[in-house]
Amino acid sequence: MKINFQETTDDLLKRINIHDRFGSRNIDEWMLEVIDLKPGIKILDVGCGAGKQCFSYHKYLKGLAEITGTDVSEELLSQARLENEKFENSITFIPLDFNQPFELPENHFDFESCCFAIYYAQDIPFTIAEMHRVLKPGGRLFTTGPMPQNKAVFYDIIREATGKTIPPMPGSSRYSTEIYNSIEDLFSKVELHIFENPLTFDSAEPFIDYTRASLSEDRKLWNSFFATHDEFEIIMSQISAVAANRIKRDGKLVMTKVVGGILATK
């Protein structure tokens, strides 16, 4: 399945910032607790974006790991390399399209991650097989993605504002089914961990900022809702009105992020 998608640095960082400001839990702390990294290992982060996970691993392991981050977006890799200067360029960032064979040696990495990206792969079994190939025997893969219950209020408000059916999202419609099953087919041991993070908004503005960044990010996936800039702004105005009314009625708006973490051993 080919998915028209291209993340931008601005939209990605805006959503991460809103998670940090309005969420009650830290997903990086949860991930590090689940994966329990040890010093001296070789780490590969596939779909690293602006390098958030790579820098988290580096700090947690106090630099005692060989970390490689890969992404298809040169814009995001440029952002990662700029941040990497603060870490004395100790992390390697290289381009990689996970829809193509990985130009990486097999049986090489001790740990591999792919956070909030794998569901954009065109051929899930192929991408999972490449991830499996580059791991050492006994190596582990950790990947994250939205569960079907993820940010239900977000979609509920859009439905109320537009009267339209929400199109299937690549993440929540694929992660706990097709992706989990493909990993289970190849790996010797698979665990599913759940992370919930309520984001609480006392005003509509940050929720609208999040919504605008999300819809812009996945704009081509929402083509049944809008095709032009004017249509997009009309939709955003309708969503803003519904969100403001809910906050006026309830005093706040709580959007819960529900994320699955699949931890698999080769």
C-alpha atoms as a PDB file:
ATOM      1  CA  MET A   1       0.000   0.000   0.000  1.00  0.00           C
ATOM      2  CA  LYS A   2       1.512   3.306  -1.080  1.00  0.00           C
ATOM      3  CA  ILE A   3       0.747   6.166   1.285  1.00  0.00           C
ATOM      4  CA  ASN A   4       1.217   9.762   0.197  1.00  0.00           C
ATOM      5  CA  PHE A   5       2.877  11.267   3.217  1.00  0.00           C
ATOM      6  CA  GLN A   6       5.631  13.721   3.979  1.00  0.00           C
ATOM      7  CA  GLU A   7       6.405  14.964   7.464  1.00  0.00           C
ATOM      8  CA  THR A   8       7.739  18.487   7.924  1.00  0.00           C
ATOM      9  CA  THR A   9      10.113  19.592  10.640  1.00  0.00           C
ATOM     10  CA  ASP A  10       7.793  22.369  11.813  1.00  0.00           C
ATOM     11  CA  ASP A  11       4.683  20.176  12.152  1.00  0.00           C
ATOM     12  CA  LEU A  12       6.565  17.345  13.841  1.00  0.00           C
ATOM     13  CA  LEU A  13       8.276  19.569  16.409  1.00  0.00           C
ATOM     14  CA  LYS A  14       5.067  21.492  17.074  1.00  0.00           C
ATOM     15  CA  ARG A  15       3.195  18.306  17.991  1.00  0.00           C
ATOM     16  CA  ILE A  16       6.077  17.036  20.126  1.00  0.00           C
ATOM     17  CA  ASN A  17       6.121  20.371  21.973  1.00  0.00           C
ATOM     18  CA  ILE A  18       2.378  20.155  22.660  1.00  0.00           C
ATOM     19  CA  HIS A  19       2.778  16.596  23.974  1.00  0.00           C
ATOM     20  CA  ASP A  20       5.471  17.831  26.350  1.00  0.00           C
ATOM     21  CA  ARG A  21       3.555  20.917  27.535  1.00  0.00           C
ATOM     22  CA  PHE A  22       0.081  19.465  28.009  1.00  0.00           C
ATOM     23  CA  GLY A  23       0.668  15.755  28.633  1.00  0.00           C
ATOM     24  CA  SER A  24       0.872  14.218  32.091  1.00  0.00           C
ATOM     25  CA  ARG A  25       3.352  11.472  31.185  1.00  0.00           C
ATOM     26  CA  ASN A  26       6.692  11.371  29.378  1.00  0.00           C
ATOM     27  CA  ILE A  27       6.781   8.844  26.549  1.00  0.00           C
ATOM     28  CA  ASP A  28      10.598   8.854  26.388  1.00  0.00           C
ATOM     29  CA  GLU A  29      10.833   7.806  30.037  1.00  0.00           C
ATOM     30  CA  TRP A  30       8.292   5.027  29.390  1.00  0.00           C
ATOM     31  CA  MET A  31      10.185   3.806  26.321  1.00  0.00           C
ATOM     32  CA  LEU A  32      13.525   3.743  28.115  1.00  0.00           C
ATOM     33  CA  GLU A  33      11.996   1.794  30.972  1.00  0.00           C
ATOM     34  CA  VAL A  34      10.449  -0.773  28.596  1.00  0.00           C
ATOM     35  CA  ILE A  35      13.512  -1.338  26.414  1.00  0.00           C
ATOM     36  CA  ASP A  36      16.124  -1.305  29.240  1.00  0.00           C
ATOM     37  CA  LEU A  37      19.168  -0.405  27.134  1.00  0.00           C
ATOM     38  CA  LYS A  38      22.665  -1.457  28.191  1.00  0.00           C
ATOM     39  CA  PRO A  39      25.922   0.434  27.497  1.00  0.00           C
ATOM     40  CA  GLY A  40      28.236  -0.640  24.683  1.00  0.00           C
ATOM     41  CA  ILE A  41      25.602  -1.649  22.152  1.00  0.00           C
ATOM     42  CA  LYS A  42      25.040  -0.771  18.501  1.00  0.00           C
ATOM     43  CA  ILE A  43      21.705   1.009  17.969  1.00  0.00           C
ATOM     44  CA  LEU A  44      19.810   1.716  14.744  1.00  0.00           C
ATOM     45  CA  ASP A  45      16.869   4.127  14.712  1.00  0.00           C
ATOM     46  CA  VAL A  46      14.824   3.808  11.499  1.00  0.00           C
ATOM     47  CA  GLY A  47      12.691   6.799  10.567  1.00  0.00           C
ATOM     48  CA  CYS A  48      14.553   8.909  13.110  1.00  0.00           C
ATOM     49  CA  GLY A  49      13.066  12.219  11.960  1.00  0.00           C
ATOM     50  CA  ALA A  50      14.881  15.083  13.680  1.00  0.00           C
ATOM     51  CA  GLY A  51      16.741  12.605  15.916  1.00  0.00           C
ATOM     52  CA  LYS A  52      14.623  12.781  19.076  1.00  0.00           C
ATOM     53  CA  GLN A  53      15.036   9.095  19.966  1.00  0.00           C
ATOM     54  CA  CYS A  54      18.719   9.000  19.066  1.00  0.00           C
ATOM     55  CA  PHE A  55      19.492  11.864  21.431  1.00  0.00           C
ATOM     56  CA  SER A  56      17.375  10.262  24.141  1.00  0.00           C
ATOM     57  CA  TYR A  57      19.380   7.016  23.833  1.00  0.00           C
ATOM     58  CA  HIS A  58      22.658   8.935  23.858  1.00  0.00           C
ATOM     59  CA  LYS A  59      21.787  10.795  27.064  1.00  0.00           C
ATOM     60  CA  TYR A  60      20.461   7.674  28.786  1.00  0.00           C
ATOM     61  CA  LEU A  61      23.597   5.670  27.973  1.00  0.00           C
ATOM     62  CA  LYS A  62      25.909   8.632  28.662  1.00  0.00           C
ATOM     63  CA  GLY A  63      27.351   8.302  25.171  1.00  0.00           C
ATOM     64  CA  LEU A  64      28.349   4.664  25.662  1.00  0.00           C
ATOM     65  CA  ALA A  65      26.712   3.322  22.492  1.00  0.00           C
ATOM     66  CA  GLU A  66      27.199   3.415  18.734  1.00  0.00           C
ATOM     67  CA  ILE A  67      24.023   5.096  17.456  1.00  0.00           C
ATOM     68  CA  THR A  68      22.892   5.438  13.835  1.00  0.00           C
ATOM     69  CA  GLY A  69      19.781   7.379  12.865  1.00  0.00           C
ATOM     70  CA  THR A  70      18.175   7.047   9.435  1.00  0.00           C
ATOM     71  CA  ASP A  71      15.370   8.833   7.644  1.00  0.00           C
ATOM     72  CA  VAL A  72      14.131   9.451   4.107  1.00  0.00           C
ATOM     73  CA  SER A  73      13.646  13.203   4.727  1.00  0.00           C
ATOM     74  CA  GLU A  74      16.729  15.339   4.123  1.00  0.00           C
ATOM     75  CA  GLU A  75      14.971  18.242   5.864  1.00  0.00           C
ATOM     76  CA  LEU A  76      14.606  16.255   9.088  1.00  0.00           C
ATOM     77  CA  LEU A  77      18.109  14.798   8.821  1.00  0.00           C
ATOM     78  CA  SER A  78      19.494  18.319   8.483  1.00  0.00           C
ATOM     79  CA  GLN A  79      17.697  19.265  11.685  1.00  0.00           C
ATOM     80  CA  ALA A  80      19.122  16.175  13.414  1.00  0.00           C
ATOM     81  CA  ARG A  81      22.665  16.931  12.261  1.00  0.00           C
ATOM     82  CA  LEU A  82      22.388  20.494  13.510  1.00  0.00           C
ATOM     83  CA  GLU A  83      21.325  19.256  16.954  1.00  0.00           C
ATOM     84  CA  ASN A  84      24.050  16.608  16.790  1.00  0.00           C
ATOM     85  CA  GLU A  85      26.677  19.356  16.966  1.00  0.00           C
ATOM     86  CA  LYS A  86      25.732  19.769  20.632  1.00  0.00           C
ATOM     87  CA  PHE A  87      26.729  16.116  21.098  1.00  0.00           C
ATOM     88  CA  GLU A  88      30.072  16.555  19.293  1.00  0.00           C
ATOM     89  CA  ASN A  89      28.598  14.768  16.266  1.00  0.00           C
ATOM     90  CA  SER A  90      28.774  11.485  18.173  1.00  0.00           C
ATOM     91  CA  ILE A  91      25.633  10.125  16.458  1.00  0.00           C
ATOM     92  CA  THR A  92      25.653   9.100  12.795  1.00  0.00           C
ATOM     93  CA  PHE A  93      22.736  10.270  10.647  1.00  0.00           C
ATOM     94  CA  ILE A  94      22.307   8.786   7.172  1.00  0.00           C
ATOM     95  CA  PRO A  95      19.533   8.725   4.541  1.00  0.00           C
ATOM     96  CA  LEU A  96      17.503   5.533   4.304  1.00  0.00           C
ATOM     97  CA  ASP A  97      14.198   4.749   2.600  1.00  0.00           C
ATOM     98  CA  PHE A  98      12.632   1.829   4.457  1.00  0.00           C
ATOM     99  CA  ASN A  99      10.694   0.916   1.306  1.00  0.00           C
ATOM    100  CA  GLN A 100      14.011  -0.097  -0.296  1.00  0.00           C
ATOM    101  CA  PRO A 101      16.639  -2.671   0.768  1.00  0.00           C
ATOM    102  CA  PHE A 102      18.666  -1.290   3.669  1.00  0.00           C
ATOM    103  CA  GLU A 103      22.261  -0.582   2.632  1.00  0.00           C
ATOM    104  CA  LEU A 104      23.387  -1.917   5.997  1.00  0.00           C
ATOM    105  CA  PRO A 105      25.118  -5.171   6.966  1.00  0.00           C
ATOM    106  CA  GLU A 106      23.091  -8.083   8.270  1.00  0.00           C
ATOM    107  CA  ASN A 107      23.400  -9.342  11.858  1.00  0.00           C
ATOM    108  CA  HIS A 108      24.987  -6.019  12.865  1.00  0.00           C
ATOM    109  CA  PHE A 109      22.849  -4.130  15.392  1.00  0.00           C
ATOM    110  CA  ASP A 110      22.009  -5.074  18.979  1.00  0.00           C
ATOM    111  CA  PHE A 111      18.953  -2.850  19.178  1.00  0.00           C
ATOM    112  CA  GLU A 112      16.737  -1.222  16.572  1.00  0.00           C
ATOM    113  CA  SER A 113      13.834   1.170  16.892  1.00  0.00           C
ATOM    114  CA  CYS A 114      11.241   2.674  14.594  1.00  0.00           C
ATOM    115  CA  CYS A 115       9.012   5.161  16.396  1.00  0.00           C
ATOM    116  CA  PHE A 116       5.826   6.543  14.858  1.00  0.00           C
ATOM    117  CA  ALA A 117       6.941   5.815  11.303  1.00  0.00           C
ATOM    118  CA  ILE A 118       6.645   2.159  10.356  1.00  0.00           C
ATOM    119  CA  TYR A 119       2.958   2.383   9.433  1.00  0.00           C
ATOM    120  CA  TYR A 120       3.886   4.556   6.429  1.00  0.00           C
ATOM    121  CA  ALA A 121       5.784   1.658   4.848  1.00  0.00           C
ATOM    122  CA  GLN A 122       4.410   0.548   1.489  1.00  0.00           C
ATOM    123  CA  ASP A 123       5.083  -3.158   2.103  1.00  0.00           C
ATOM    124  CA  ILE A 124       5.043  -3.934   5.829  1.00  0.00           C
ATOM    125  CA  PRO A 125       6.414  -7.529   5.588  1.00  0.00           C
ATOM    126  CA  PHE A 126       9.314  -6.300   3.420  1.00  0.00           C
ATOM    127  CA  THR A 127      10.246  -3.491   5.812  1.00  0.00           C
ATOM    128  CA  ILE A 128       9.979  -5.773   8.853  1.00  0.00           C
ATOM    129  CA  ALA A 129      12.155  -8.360   7.091  1.00  0.00           C
ATOM    130  CA  GLU A 130      14.850  -5.746   6.464  1.00  0.00           C
ATOM    131  CA  MET A 131      14.708  -4.689  10.110  1.00  0.00           C
ATOM    132  CA  HIS A 132      15.041  -8.331  11.125  1.00  0.00           C
ATOM    133  CA  ARG A 133      17.966  -8.909   8.730  1.00  0.00           C
ATOM    134  CA  VAL A 134      20.218  -6.175  10.150  1.00  0.00           C
ATOM    135  CA  LEU A 135      19.719  -7.273  13.773  1.00  0.00           C
ATOM    136  CA  LYS A 136      22.112  -9.672  15.453  1.00  0.00           C
ATOM    137  CA  PRO A 137      20.692 -13.001  16.665  1.00  0.00           C
ATOM    138  CA  GLY A 138      19.105 -12.144  19.995  1.00  0.00           C
ATOM    139  CA  GLY A 139      18.900  -8.480  18.989  1.00  0.00           C
ATOM    140  CA  ARG A 140      15.754  -6.555  19.749  1.00  0.00           C
ATOM    141  CA  LEU A 141      13.364  -4.363  17.765  1.00  0.00           C
ATOM    142  CA  PHE A 142      11.165  -1.751  19.435  1.00  0.00           C
ATOM    143  CA  THR A 143       8.548   0.077  17.420  1.00  0.00           C
ATOM    144  CA  THR A 144       5.750   2.413  18.451  1.00  0.00           C
ATOM    145  CA  GLY A 145       2.492   3.473  16.886  1.00  0.00           C
ATOM    146  CA  PRO A 146      -1.042   4.591  17.690  1.00  0.00           C
ATOM    147  CA  MET A 147      -3.598   2.069  18.883  1.00  0.00           C
ATOM    148  CA  PRO A 148      -7.217   2.139  17.612  1.00  0.00           C
ATOM    149  CA  GLN A 149      -8.318   4.054  20.744  1.00  0.00           C
ATOM    150  CA  ASN A 150      -5.726   6.788  20.176  1.00  0.00           C
ATOM    151  CA  LYS A 151      -6.894  10.431  20.603  1.00  0.00           C
ATOM    152  CA  ALA A 152     -10.574   9.524  20.255  1.00  0.00           C
ATOM    153  CA  VAL A 153     -11.667  13.060  21.221  1.00  0.00           C
ATOM    154  CA  PHE A 154      -9.633  14.497  18.324  1.00  0.00           C
ATOM    155  CA  TYR A 155     -11.535  12.436  15.761  1.00  0.00           C
ATOM    156  CA  ASP A 156     -14.851  12.909  17.567  1.00  0.00           C
ATOM    157  CA  ILE A 157     -14.541  16.697  17.337  1.00  0.00           C
ATOM    158  CA  ILE A 158     -13.664  16.528  13.637  1.00  0.00           C
ATOM    159  CA  ARG A 159     -16.713  14.316  12.994  1.00  0.00           C
ATOM    160  CA  GLU A 160     -18.977  16.691  14.905  1.00  0.00           C
ATOM    161  CA  ALA A 161     -17.563  19.733  13.132  1.00  0.00           C
ATOM    162  CA  THR A 162     -17.767  18.331   9.609  1.00  0.00           C
ATOM    163  CA  GLY A 163     -20.399  15.593   9.652  1.00  0.00           C
ATOM    164  CA  LYS A 164     -17.967  13.431   7.673  1.00  0.00           C
ATOM    165  CA  THR A 165     -16.525   9.967   8.227  1.00  0.00           C
ATOM    166  CA  ILE A 166     -12.903   9.925   9.372  1.00  0.00           C
ATOM    167  CA  PRO A 167     -10.660   8.272   6.739  1.00  0.00           C
ATOM    168  CA  PRO A 168      -8.630   5.264   7.924  1.00  0.00           C
ATOM    169  CA  MET A 169      -5.394   6.495   9.486  1.00  0.00           C
ATOM    170  CA  PRO A 170      -2.269   4.486   8.523  1.00  0.00           C
ATOM    171  CA  GLY A 171      -1.183   4.149  12.141  1.00  0.00           C
ATOM    172  CA  SER A 172      -4.236   3.182  14.151  1.00  0.00           C
ATOM    173  CA  SER A 173      -5.660   1.076  11.318  1.00  0.00           C
ATOM    174  CA  ARG A 174      -2.446  -0.943  10.758  1.00  0.00           C
ATOM    175  CA  TYR A 175      -0.303  -0.932  13.871  1.00  0.00           C
ATOM    176  CA  SER A 176      -1.970  -3.439  16.203  1.00  0.00           C
ATOM    177  CA  THR A 177      -2.977  -5.755  13.333  1.00  0.00           C
ATOM    178  CA  GLU A 178      -0.896  -5.909  10.145  1.00  0.00           C
ATOM    179  CA  ILE A 179       2.305  -4.600  11.707  1.00  0.00           C
ATOM    180  CA  TYR A 180       2.073  -6.668  14.896  1.00  0.00           C
ATOM    181  CA  ASN A 181       1.307  -9.809  12.881  1.00  0.00           C
ATOM    182  CA  SER A 182       4.239  -9.242  10.510  1.00  0.00           C
ATOM    183  CA  ILE A 183       6.629  -8.839  13.437  1.00  0.00           C
ATOM    184  CA  GLU A 184       5.218 -11.934  15.135  1.00  0.00           C
ATOM    185  CA  ASP A 185       5.807 -13.956  11.956  1.00  0.00           C
ATOM    186  CA  LEU A 186       9.559 -13.277  11.968  1.00  0.00           C
ATOM    187  CA  PHE A 187      10.666 -12.750  15.562  1.00  0.00           C
ATOM    188  CA  SER A 188      11.048 -15.396  18.241  1.00  0.00           C
ATOM    189  CA  LYS A 189       9.442 -13.354  21.020  1.00  0.00           C
ATOM    190  CA  VAL A 190       6.994 -10.439  20.812  1.00  0.00           C
ATOM    191  CA  GLU A 191       5.512  -8.275  23.581  1.00  0.00           C
ATOM    192  CA  LEU A 192       2.950  -5.472  23.327  1.00  0.00           C
ATOM    193  CA  HIS A 193       3.215  -2.619  25.835  1.00  0.00           C
ATOM    194  CA  ILE A 194       0.618   0.177  26.152  1.00  0.00           C
ATOM    195  CA  PHE A 195       1.292   3.830  26.957  1.00  0.00           C
ATOM    196  CA  GLU A 196      -1.504   6.309  27.739  1.00  0.00           C
ATOM    197  CA  ASN A 197      -0.898  10.035  28.015  1.00  0.00           C
ATOM    198  CA  PRO A 198      -3.846  12.400  28.637  1.00  0.00           C
ATOM    199  CA  LEU A 199      -3.274  15.857  27.139  1.00  0.00           C
ATOM    200  CA  THR A 200      -5.391  18.408  29.023  1.00  0.00           C
ATOM    201  CA  PHE A 201      -6.321  21.691  27.329  1.00  0.00           C
ATOM    202  CA  ASP A 202      -7.927  24.544  29.286  1.00  0.00           C
ATOM    203  CA  SER A 203      -8.296  26.620  26.140  1.00  0.00           C
ATOM    204  CA  ALA A 204      -8.936  25.754  22.513  1.00  0.00           C
ATOM    205  CA  GLU A 205      -5.808  27.375  21.051  1.00  0.00           C
ATOM    206  CA  PRO A 206      -3.217  24.619  21.746  1.00  0.00           C
ATOM    207  CA  PHE A 207      -5.683  21.934  20.673  1.00  0.00           C
ATOM    208  CA  ILE A 208      -6.222  23.813  17.410  1.00  0.00           C
ATOM    209  CA  ASP A 209      -2.453  24.182  16.950  1.00  0.00           C
ATOM    210  CA  TYR A 210      -2.144  20.406  17.402  1.00  0.00           C
ATOM    211  CA  THR A 211      -5.029  19.761  15.003  1.00  0.00           C
ATOM    212  CA  ARG A 212      -3.631  22.095  12.366  1.00  0.00           C
ATOM    213  CA  ALA A 213      -0.209  20.424  12.557  1.00  0.00           C
ATOM    214  CA  SER A 214      -1.773  16.943  12.422  1.00  0.00           C
ATOM    215  CA  LEU A 215      -4.022  17.692   9.463  1.00  0.00           C
ATOM    216  CA  SER A 216      -1.210  19.449   7.631  1.00  0.00           C
ATOM    217  CA  GLU A 217       1.084  16.491   8.282  1.00  0.00           C
ATOM    218  CA  ASP A 218      -1.407  13.983   6.921  1.00  0.00           C
ATOM    219  CA  ARG A 219      -3.031  16.383   4.458  1.00  0.00           C
ATOM    220  CA  LYS A 220      -3.023  13.983   1.506  1.00  0.00           C
ATOM    221  CA  LEU A 221      -4.743  11.380   3.683  1.00  0.00           C
ATOM    222  CA  TRP A 222      -7.608  13.798   4.380  1.00  0.00           C
ATOM    223  CA  ASN A 223      -8.343  14.656   0.736  1.00  0.00           C
ATOM    224  CA  SER A 224     -12.017  13.746   1.187  1.00  0.00           C
ATOM    225  CA  PHE A 225     -12.243  16.696   3.636  1.00  0.00           C
ATOM    226  CA  PHE A 226     -10.467  19.453   1.741  1.00  0.00           C
ATOM    227  CA  ALA A 227      -8.538  20.015  -1.448  1.00  0.00           C
ATOM    228  CA  THR A 228      -7.735  23.720  -1.312  1.00  0.00           C
ATOM    229  CA  HIS A 229      -6.325  26.128   1.267  1.00  0.00           C
ATOM    230  CA  ASP A 230      -9.699  27.849   1.609  1.00  0.00           C
ATOM    231  CA  GLU A 231     -11.442  24.544   2.339  1.00  0.00           C
ATOM    232  CA  PHE A 232      -8.789  23.706   4.908  1.00  0.00           C
ATOM    233  CA  GLU A 233      -9.341  27.005   6.714  1.00  0.00           C
ATOM    234  CA  ILE A 234     -13.129  26.517   6.697  1.00  0.00           C
ATOM    235  CA  ILE A 235     -12.685  23.070   8.295  1.00  0.00           C
ATOM    236  CA  MET A 236     -10.313  24.511  10.902  1.00  0.00           C
ATOM    237  CA  SER A 237     -12.854  27.226  11.758  1.00  0.00           C
ATOM    238  CA  GLN A 238     -15.564  24.586  12.280  1.00  0.00           C
ATOM    239  CA  ILE A 239     -13.256  22.475  14.457  1.00  0.00           C
ATOM    240  CA  SER A 240     -12.278  25.536  16.505  1.00  0.00           C
ATOM    241  CA  ALA A 241     -15.922  26.315  17.246  1.00  0.00           C
ATOM    242  CA  VAL A 242     -16.692  22.768  18.421  1.00  0.00           C
ATOM    243  CA  ALA A 243     -13.561  22.598  20.594  1.00  0.00           C
ATOM    244  CA  ALA A 244     -14.317  25.969  22.195  1.00  0.00           C
ATOM    245  CA  ASN A 245     -17.900  24.911  22.954  1.00  0.00           C
ATOM    246  CA  ARG A 246     -16.728  21.714  24.613  1.00  0.00           C
ATOM    247  CA  ILE A 247     -14.253  23.569  26.793  1.00  0.00           C
ATOM    248  CA  LYS A 248     -16.926  26.102  27.735  1.00  0.00           C
ATOM    249  CA  ARG A 249     -19.246  23.234  28.674  1.00  0.00           C
ATOM    250  CA  ASP A 250     -16.746  20.972  30.479  1.00  0.00           C
ATOM    251  CA  GLY A 251     -14.056  23.405  31.597  1.00  0.00           C
ATOM    252  CA  LYS A 252     -11.347  21.488  29.751  1.00  0.00           C
ATOM    253  CA  LEU A 253     -10.653  19.175  26.849  1.00  0.00           C
ATOM    254  CA  VAL A 254      -8.811  15.902  27.473  1.00  0.00           C
ATOM    255  CA  MET A 255      -7.305  14.087  24.499  1.00  0.00           C
ATOM    256  CA  THR A 256      -5.649  10.790  25.443  1.00  0.00           C
ATOM    257  CA  LYS A 257      -2.778   9.502  23.362  1.00  0.00           C
ATOM    258  CA  VAL A 258      -2.871   5.679  23.360  1.00  0.00           C
ATOM    259  CA  VAL A 259       0.360   4.242  21.995  1.00  0.00           C
ATOM    260  CA  GLY A 260       1.428   0.653  21.512  1.00  0.00           C
ATOM    261  CA  GLY A 261       5.029  -0.408  21.895  1.00  0.00           C
ATOM    262  CA  ILE A 262       6.002  -3.674  20.229  1.00  0.00           C
ATOM    263  CA  LEU A 263       9.186  -5.164  21.680  1.00  0.00           C
ATOM    264  CA  ALA A 264      10.465  -8.133  19.667  1.00  0.00           C
ATOM    265  CA  THR A 265      13.528 -10.382  20.002  1.00  0.00           C
ATOM    266  CA  LYS A 266      15.194 -11.973  16.952  1.00  0.00           C
END
